[in-house]
Amino acid sequence: MPTTTPQARTVLEWFPAGGLRGSWSAEEYAADQRVQGTDAQVVMDLGSDQFLVVTDTTE
């Protein structure tokens, strides 16, 4: 079975998962970052119940 090494990520911003209905703040922030040239994506941190906007690039 192949093994993988965890990839270092930089958290750019975090948003509470219990935000307003219809509010996609994390997705909007990540999209803005991508427009500016940062490869940002949204992941869920189950431990803290937050959406994190992360990038594989270190800053």
PDB file of N, CA and C in Angstrom:
ATOM      1  N   MET A   1       0.846  -1.174   0.000  1.00  0.00           N
ATOM      2  CA  MET A   1       0.000   0.000   0.000  1.00  0.00           C
ATOM      3  C   MET A   1       0.895   1.242   0.000  1.00  0.00           C
ATOM      4  N   PRO A   2       0.656   2.188  -0.911  1.00  0.00           N
ATOM      5  CA  PRO A   2       1.494   3.392  -0.967  1.00  0.00           C
ATOM      6  C   PRO A   2       1.247   4.281   0.248  1.00  0.00           C
ATOM      7  N   THR A   3       2.305   4.952   0.652  1.00  0.00           N
ATOM      8  CA  THR A   3       2.178   5.897   1.763  1.00  0.00           C
ATOM      9  C   THR A   3       2.255   7.312   1.211  1.00  0.00           C
ATOM     10  N   THR A   4       1.607   8.206   1.890  1.00  0.00           N
ATOM     11  CA  THR A   4       1.648   9.608   1.480  1.00  0.00           C
ATOM     12  C   THR A   4       2.187  10.438   2.636  1.00  0.00           C
ATOM     13  N   THR A   5       2.857  11.496   2.285  1.00  0.00           N
ATOM     14  CA  THR A   5       3.380  12.427   3.269  1.00  0.00           C
ATOM     15  C   THR A   5       2.418  13.601   3.362  1.00  0.00           C
ATOM     16  N   PRO A   6       2.031  14.003   4.572  1.00  0.00           N
ATOM     17  CA  PRO A   6       1.133  15.159   4.687  1.00  0.00           C
ATOM     18  C   PRO A   6       1.761  16.393   4.058  1.00  0.00           C
ATOM     19  N   GLN A   7       0.961  17.125   3.326  1.00  0.00           N
ATOM     20  CA  GLN A   7       1.443  18.321   2.647  1.00  0.00           C
ATOM     21  C   GLN A   7       1.237  19.534   3.548  1.00  0.00           C
ATOM     22  N   ALA A   8       2.253  20.367   3.647  1.00  0.00           N
ATOM     23  CA  ALA A   8       2.143  21.587   4.441  1.00  0.00           C
ATOM     24  C   ALA A   8       1.191  22.553   3.746  1.00  0.00           C
ATOM     25  N   ARG A   9       0.312  23.136   4.521  1.00  0.00           N
ATOM     26  CA  ARG A   9      -0.638  24.111   3.991  1.00  0.00           C
ATOM     27  C   ARG A   9      -0.608  25.361   4.858  1.00  0.00           C
ATOM     28  N   THR A  10      -0.947  26.460   4.249  1.00  0.00           N
ATOM     29  CA  THR A  10      -1.074  27.716   4.961  1.00  0.00           C
ATOM     30  C   THR A  10      -2.559  28.058   5.052  1.00  0.00           C
ATOM     31  N   VAL A  11      -3.042  28.344   6.256  1.00  0.00           N
ATOM     32  CA  VAL A  11      -4.427  28.766   6.443  1.00  0.00           C
ATOM     33  C   VAL A  11      -4.483  30.270   6.189  1.00  0.00           C
ATOM     34  N   LEU A  12      -5.258  30.660   5.205  1.00  0.00           N
ATOM     35  CA  LEU A  12      -5.385  32.080   4.872  1.00  0.00           C
ATOM     36  C   LEU A  12      -6.463  32.760   5.716  1.00  0.00           C
ATOM     37  N   GLU A  13      -7.546  32.025   5.994  1.00  0.00           N
ATOM     38  CA  GLU A  13      -8.667  32.590   6.748  1.00  0.00           C
ATOM     39  C   GLU A  13      -9.538  31.438   7.221  1.00  0.00           C
ATOM     40  N   TRP A  14     -10.356  31.662   8.245  1.00  0.00           N
ATOM     41  CA  TRP A  14     -11.284  30.639   8.707  1.00  0.00           C
ATOM     42  C   TRP A  14     -12.637  31.268   8.954  1.00  0.00           C
ATOM     43  N   PHE A  15     -13.671  30.440   8.781  1.00  0.00           N
ATOM     44  CA  PHE A  15     -15.052  30.899   8.893  1.00  0.00           C
ATOM     45  C   PHE A  15     -15.847  29.864   9.684  1.00  0.00           C
ATOM     46  N   PRO A  16     -16.727  30.291  10.590  1.00  0.00           N
ATOM     47  CA  PRO A  16     -17.522  29.338  11.360  1.00  0.00           C
ATOM     48  C   PRO A  16     -18.473  28.561  10.450  1.00  0.00           C
ATOM     49  N   ALA A  17     -18.628  27.289  10.734  1.00  0.00           N
ATOM     50  CA  ALA A  17     -19.507  26.454   9.914  1.00  0.00           C
ATOM     51  C   ALA A  17     -20.975  26.811  10.130  1.00  0.00           C
ATOM     52  N   GLY A  18     -21.305  27.401  11.259  1.00  0.00           N
ATOM     53  CA  GLY A  18     -22.695  27.733  11.557  1.00  0.00           C
ATOM     54  C   GLY A  18     -23.094  29.108  11.069  1.00  0.00           C
ATOM     55  N   GLY A  19     -22.541  29.542   9.954  1.00  0.00           N
ATOM     56  CA  GLY A  19     -22.852  30.869   9.425  1.00  0.00           C
ATOM     57  C   GLY A  19     -24.282  30.980   8.941  1.00  0.00           C
ATOM     58  N   LEU A  20     -24.642  32.136   8.463  1.00  0.00           N
ATOM     59  CA  LEU A  20     -25.991  32.389   7.974  1.00  0.00           C
ATOM     60  C   LEU A  20     -26.339  31.475   6.811  1.00  0.00           C
ATOM     61  N   ARG A  21     -27.588  31.086   6.739  1.00  0.00           N
ATOM     62  CA  ARG A  21     -28.038  30.259   5.609  1.00  0.00           C
ATOM     63  C   ARG A  21     -27.878  31.038   4.313  1.00  0.00           C
ATOM     64  N   GLY A  22     -27.386  30.363   3.309  1.00  0.00           N
ATOM     65  CA  GLY A  22     -27.175  31.017   2.025  1.00  0.00           C
ATOM     66  C   GLY A  22     -25.888  31.806   1.963  1.00  0.00           C
ATOM     67  N   SER A  23     -25.132  31.839   3.046  1.00  0.00           N
ATOM     68  CA  SER A  23     -23.871  32.563   3.073  1.00  0.00           C
ATOM     69  C   SER A  23     -22.732  31.594   2.803  1.00  0.00           C
ATOM     70  N   TRP A  24     -21.951  31.892   1.804  1.00  0.00           N
ATOM     71  CA  TRP A  24     -20.813  31.050   1.415  1.00  0.00           C
ATOM     72  C   TRP A  24     -19.540  31.864   1.546  1.00  0.00           C
ATOM     73  N   SER A  25     -19.327  32.449   2.721  1.00  0.00           N
ATOM     74  CA  SER A  25     -18.197  33.351   2.936  1.00  0.00           C
ATOM     75  C   SER A  25     -16.853  32.716   2.609  1.00  0.00           C
ATOM     76  N   ALA A  26     -16.644  31.482   3.022  1.00  0.00           N
ATOM     77  CA  ALA A  26     -15.363  30.812   2.771  1.00  0.00           C
ATOM     78  C   ALA A  26     -15.149  30.616   1.272  1.00  0.00           C
ATOM     79  N   GLU A  27     -16.190  30.179   0.565  1.00  0.00           N
ATOM     80  CA  GLU A  27     -16.075  29.975  -0.881  1.00  0.00           C
ATOM     81  C   GLU A  27     -15.823  31.296  -1.605  1.00  0.00           C
ATOM     82  N   GLU A  28     -16.500  32.358  -1.173  1.00  0.00           N
ATOM     83  CA  GLU A  28     -16.303  33.668  -1.795  1.00  0.00           C
ATOM     84  C   GLU A  28     -14.880  34.170  -1.560  1.00  0.00           C
ATOM     85  N   TYR A  29     -14.378  33.996  -0.340  1.00  0.00           N
ATOM     86  CA  TYR A  29     -13.015  34.423  -0.021  1.00  0.00           C
ATOM     87  C   TYR A  29     -12.003  33.637  -0.854  1.00  0.00           C
ATOM     88  N   ALA A  30     -12.194  32.325  -0.954  1.00  0.00           N
ATOM     89  CA  ALA A  30     -11.283  31.492  -1.746  1.00  0.00           C
ATOM     90  C   ALA A  30     -11.315  31.911  -3.215  1.00  0.00           C
ATOM     91  N   ALA A  31     -12.496  32.202  -3.742  1.00  0.00           N
ATOM     92  CA  ALA A  31     -12.604  32.641  -5.136  1.00  0.00           C
ATOM     93  C   ALA A  31     -11.860  33.958  -5.353  1.00  0.00           C
ATOM     94  N   ASP A  32     -11.988  34.885  -4.404  1.00  0.00           N
ATOM     95  CA  ASP A  32     -11.255  36.157  -4.497  1.00  0.00           C
ATOM     96  C   ASP A  32      -9.747  35.917  -4.490  1.00  0.00           C
ATOM     97  N   GLN A  33      -9.295  34.993  -3.654  1.00  0.00           N
ATOM     98  CA  GLN A  33      -7.869  34.679  -3.604  1.00  0.00           C
ATOM     99  C   GLN A  33      -7.386  34.083  -4.922  1.00  0.00           C
ATOM    100  N   ARG A  34      -8.200  33.222  -5.533  1.00  0.00           N
ATOM    101  CA  ARG A  34      -7.818  32.627  -6.823  1.00  0.00           C
ATOM    102  C   ARG A  34      -7.727  33.688  -7.912  1.00  0.00           C
ATOM    103  N   VAL A  35      -8.631  34.669  -7.889  1.00  0.00           N
ATOM    104  CA  VAL A  35      -8.583  35.770  -8.859  1.00  0.00           C
ATOM    105  C   VAL A  35      -7.265  36.534  -8.714  1.00  0.00           C
ATOM    106  N   GLN A  36      -6.768  36.636  -7.475  1.00  0.00           N
ATOM    107  CA  GLN A  36      -5.518  37.348  -7.208  1.00  0.00           C
ATOM    108  C   GLN A  36      -4.283  36.482  -7.433  1.00  0.00           C
ATOM    109  N   GLY A  37      -4.495  35.220  -7.860  1.00  0.00           N
ATOM    110  CA  GLY A  37      -3.368  34.369  -8.198  1.00  0.00           C
ATOM    111  C   GLY A  37      -2.945  33.363  -7.146  1.00  0.00           C
ATOM    112  N   THR A  38      -3.668  33.291  -6.030  1.00  0.00           N
ATOM    113  CA  THR A  38      -3.350  32.317  -4.983  1.00  0.00           C
ATOM    114  C   THR A  38      -4.239  31.098  -5.165  1.00  0.00           C
ATOM    115  N   ASP A  39      -3.633  29.928  -5.226  1.00  0.00           N
ATOM    116  CA  ASP A  39      -4.393  28.690  -5.395  1.00  0.00           C
ATOM    117  C   ASP A  39      -5.027  28.312  -4.057  1.00  0.00           C
ATOM    118  N   ALA A  40      -6.191  28.871  -3.773  1.00  0.00           N
ATOM    119  CA  ALA A  40      -6.863  28.663  -2.493  1.00  0.00           C
ATOM    120  C   ALA A  40      -8.001  27.671  -2.644  1.00  0.00           C
ATOM    121  N   GLN A  41      -8.210  26.887  -1.598  1.00  0.00           N
ATOM    122  CA  GLN A  41      -9.322  25.958  -1.568  1.00  0.00           C
ATOM    123  C   GLN A  41      -9.927  25.930  -0.180  1.00  0.00           C
ATOM    124  N   VAL A  42     -11.164  25.471  -0.089  1.00  0.00           N
ATOM    125  CA  VAL A  42     -11.874  25.416   1.183  1.00  0.00           C
ATOM    126  C   VAL A  42     -11.873  23.978   1.687  1.00  0.00           C
ATOM    127  N   VAL A  43     -11.523  23.807   2.955  1.00  0.00           N
ATOM    128  CA  VAL A  43     -11.589  22.504   3.609  1.00  0.00           C
ATOM    129  C   VAL A  43     -12.342  22.669   4.924  1.00  0.00           C
ATOM    130  N   MET A  44     -12.903  21.583   5.400  1.00  0.00           N
ATOM    131  CA  MET A  44     -13.632  21.602   6.668  1.00  0.00           C
ATOM    132  C   MET A  44     -12.744  21.051   7.766  1.00  0.00           C
ATOM    133  N   ASP A  45     -12.618  21.797   8.856  1.00  0.00           N
ATOM    134  CA  ASP A  45     -11.913  21.322  10.043  1.00  0.00           C
ATOM    135  C   ASP A  45     -12.979  20.846  11.021  1.00  0.00           C
ATOM    136  N   LEU A  46     -13.179  19.534  11.080  1.00  0.00           N
ATOM    137  CA  LEU A  46     -14.235  18.978  11.913  1.00  0.00           C
ATOM    138  C   LEU A  46     -13.997  19.238  13.397  1.00  0.00           C
ATOM    139  N   GLY A  47     -12.741  19.234  13.814  1.00  0.00           N
ATOM    140  CA  GLY A  47     -12.424  19.450  15.228  1.00  0.00           C
ATOM    141  C   GLY A  47     -12.874  20.803  15.740  1.00  0.00           C
ATOM    142  N   SER A  48     -12.725  21.835  14.913  1.00  0.00           N
ATOM    143  CA  SER A  48     -13.099  23.189  15.339  1.00  0.00           C
ATOM    144  C   SER A  48     -14.429  23.640  14.746  1.00  0.00           C
ATOM    145  N   ASP A  49     -15.037  22.810  13.900  1.00  0.00           N
ATOM    146  CA  ASP A  49     -16.300  23.128  13.220  1.00  0.00           C
ATOM    147  C   ASP A  49     -16.187  24.449  12.446  1.00  0.00           C
ATOM    148  N   GLN A  50     -15.100  24.548  11.672  1.00  0.00           N
ATOM    149  CA  GLN A  50     -14.859  25.743  10.865  1.00  0.00           C
ATOM    150  C   GLN A  50     -14.471  25.348   9.450  1.00  0.00           C
ATOM    151  N   PHE A  51     -14.785  26.238   8.516  1.00  0.00           N
ATOM    152  CA  PHE A  51     -14.274  26.109   7.157  1.00  0.00           C
ATOM    153  C   PHE A  51     -12.969  26.880   7.088  1.00  0.00           C
ATOM    154  N   LEU A  52     -11.931  26.248   6.582  1.00  0.00           N
ATOM    155  CA  LEU A  52     -10.631  26.891   6.435  1.00  0.00           C
ATOM    156  C   LEU A  52     -10.349  27.134   4.964  1.00  0.00           C
ATOM    157  N   VAL A  53      -9.857  28.312   4.650  1.00  0.00           N
ATOM    158  CA  VAL A  53      -9.384  28.604   3.292  1.00  0.00           C
ATOM    159  C   VAL A  53      -7.873  28.412   3.350  1.00  0.00           C
ATOM    160  N   VAL A  54      -7.395  27.424   2.577  1.00  0.00           N
ATOM    161  CA  VAL A  54      -5.994  27.053   2.641  1.00  0.00           C
ATOM    162  C   VAL A  54      -5.335  27.131   1.258  1.00  0.00           C
ATOM    163  N   THR A  55      -4.021  27.204   1.286  1.00  0.00           N
ATOM    164  CA  THR A  55      -3.224  27.142   0.072  1.00  0.00           C
ATOM    165  C   THR A  55      -2.032  26.235   0.342  1.00  0.00           C
ATOM    166  N   ASP A  56      -1.549  25.585  -0.692  1.00  0.00           N
ATOM    167  CA  ASP A  56      -0.381  24.717  -0.537  1.00  0.00           C
ATOM    168  C   ASP A  56       0.918  25.509  -0.503  1.00  0.00           C
ATOM    169  N   THR A  57       0.846  26.775  -0.871  1.00  0.00           N
ATOM    170  CA  THR A  57       2.040  27.619  -0.854  1.00  0.00           C
ATOM    171  C   THR A  57       2.240  28.195   0.531  1.00  0.00           C
ATOM    172  N   THR A  58       3.462  28.249   0.958  1.00  0.00           N
ATOM    173  CA  THR A  58       3.745  28.848   2.261  1.00  0.00           C
ATOM    174  C   THR A  58       3.986  30.337   2.084  1.00  0.00           C
ATOM    175  N   GLU A  59       3.544  31.083   3.052  1.00  0.00           N
ATOM    176  CA  GLU A  59       3.692  32.539   2.975  1.00  0.00           C
ATOM    177  C   GLU A  59       4.557  33.032   4.099  1.00  0.00           C
TER     178      GLU A  59
END
